[in-house]
Amino acid sequence: MKKDKDPVKIEKEIAKRQKQLDKREGKRYYFYLFFIISIVYITDEVLRQ
């Protein structure tokens, strides 16, 4: 049978993984922000003509 892992180690691993996920999400946010601003700018330029 498998030996139970130490709860402290499990908590540290969870915190580490959560930090990695948070890091990735920030980069994705800037991409979406840039994309939406670009769409608004292009739409504005097209509608002005």
C-alpha atoms as a PDB file:
ATOM      1  CA  MET A   1       0.000   0.000   0.000  1.00  0.00           C
ATOM      2  CA  LYS A   2       1.028   3.589  -0.538  1.00  0.00           C
ATOM      3  CA  LYS A   3       2.250   5.568   2.397  1.00  0.00           C
ATOM      4  CA  ASP A   4       0.255   8.722   3.186  1.00  0.00           C
ATOM      5  CA  LYS A   5       2.043  11.926   2.230  1.00  0.00           C
ATOM      6  CA  ASP A   6       2.886  14.557   4.754  1.00  0.00           C
ATOM      7  CA  PRO A   7       0.070  17.181   4.841  1.00  0.00           C
ATOM      8  CA  VAL A   8       2.606  20.009   5.049  1.00  0.00           C
ATOM      9  CA  LYS A   9       4.231  18.860   1.804  1.00  0.00           C
ATOM     10  CA  ILE A  10       0.840  18.609   0.144  1.00  0.00           C
ATOM     11  CA  GLU A  11      -0.044  22.178   1.170  1.00  0.00           C
ATOM     12  CA  LYS A  12       3.292  23.468  -0.152  1.00  0.00           C
ATOM     13  CA  GLU A  13       2.721  21.668  -3.462  1.00  0.00           C
ATOM     14  CA  ILE A  14      -0.778  23.123  -3.781  1.00  0.00           C
ATOM     15  CA  ALA A  15       0.519  26.630  -3.081  1.00  0.00           C
ATOM     16  CA  LYS A  16       3.281  26.157  -5.670  1.00  0.00           C
ATOM     17  CA  ARG A  17       0.833  24.985  -8.347  1.00  0.00           C
ATOM     18  CA  GLN A  18      -1.579  27.827  -7.594  1.00  0.00           C
ATOM     19  CA  LYS A  19       1.242  30.331  -7.996  1.00  0.00           C
ATOM     20  CA  GLN A  20       2.078  28.834 -11.410  1.00  0.00           C
ATOM     21  CA  LEU A  21      -1.548  29.097 -12.499  1.00  0.00           C
ATOM     22  CA  ASP A  22      -1.781  32.712 -11.368  1.00  0.00           C
ATOM     23  CA  LYS A  23       1.334  33.587 -13.340  1.00  0.00           C
ATOM     24  CA  ARG A  24      -0.076  32.188 -16.573  1.00  0.00           C
ATOM     25  CA  GLU A  25      -3.389  33.950 -16.147  1.00  0.00           C
ATOM     26  CA  GLY A  26      -1.738  37.381 -15.986  1.00  0.00           C
ATOM     27  CA  LYS A  27      -0.078  36.949 -19.365  1.00  0.00           C
ATOM     28  CA  ARG A  28      -3.333  35.863 -20.951  1.00  0.00           C
ATOM     29  CA  TYR A  29      -5.096  38.928 -19.539  1.00  0.00           C
ATOM     30  CA  TYR A  30      -2.779  41.309 -21.394  1.00  0.00           C
ATOM     31  CA  PHE A  31      -3.366  39.464 -24.653  1.00  0.00           C
ATOM     32  CA  TYR A  32      -7.150  39.785 -24.338  1.00  0.00           C
ATOM     33  CA  LEU A  33      -6.879  43.417 -23.296  1.00  0.00           C
ATOM     34  CA  PHE A  34      -4.740  44.232 -26.336  1.00  0.00           C
ATOM     35  CA  PHE A  35      -7.101  42.290 -28.613  1.00  0.00           C
ATOM     36  CA  ILE A  36     -10.221  44.105 -27.400  1.00  0.00           C
ATOM     37  CA  ILE A  37      -8.572  47.532 -27.628  1.00  0.00           C
ATOM     38  CA  SER A  38      -7.477  46.708 -31.179  1.00  0.00           C
ATOM     39  CA  ILE A  39     -11.001  45.687 -32.187  1.00  0.00           C
ATOM     40  CA  VAL A  40     -12.440  48.905 -30.746  1.00  0.00           C
ATOM     41  CA  TYR A  41      -9.825  51.012 -32.534  1.00  0.00           C
ATOM     42  CA  ILE A  42     -10.380  49.272 -35.893  1.00  0.00           C
ATOM     43  CA  THR A  43     -14.155  49.571 -35.568  1.00  0.00           C
ATOM     44  CA  ASP A  44     -13.856  53.258 -34.742  1.00  0.00           C
ATOM     45  CA  GLU A  45     -11.662  53.897 -37.787  1.00  0.00           C
ATOM     46  CA  VAL A  46     -14.018  52.028 -40.120  1.00  0.00           C
ATOM     47  CA  LEU A  47     -17.133  53.793 -38.862  1.00  0.00           C
ATOM     48  CA  ARG A  48     -15.595  57.268 -39.188  1.00  0.00           C
ATOM     49  CA  GLN A  49     -15.223  56.971 -42.950  1.00  0.00           C
END
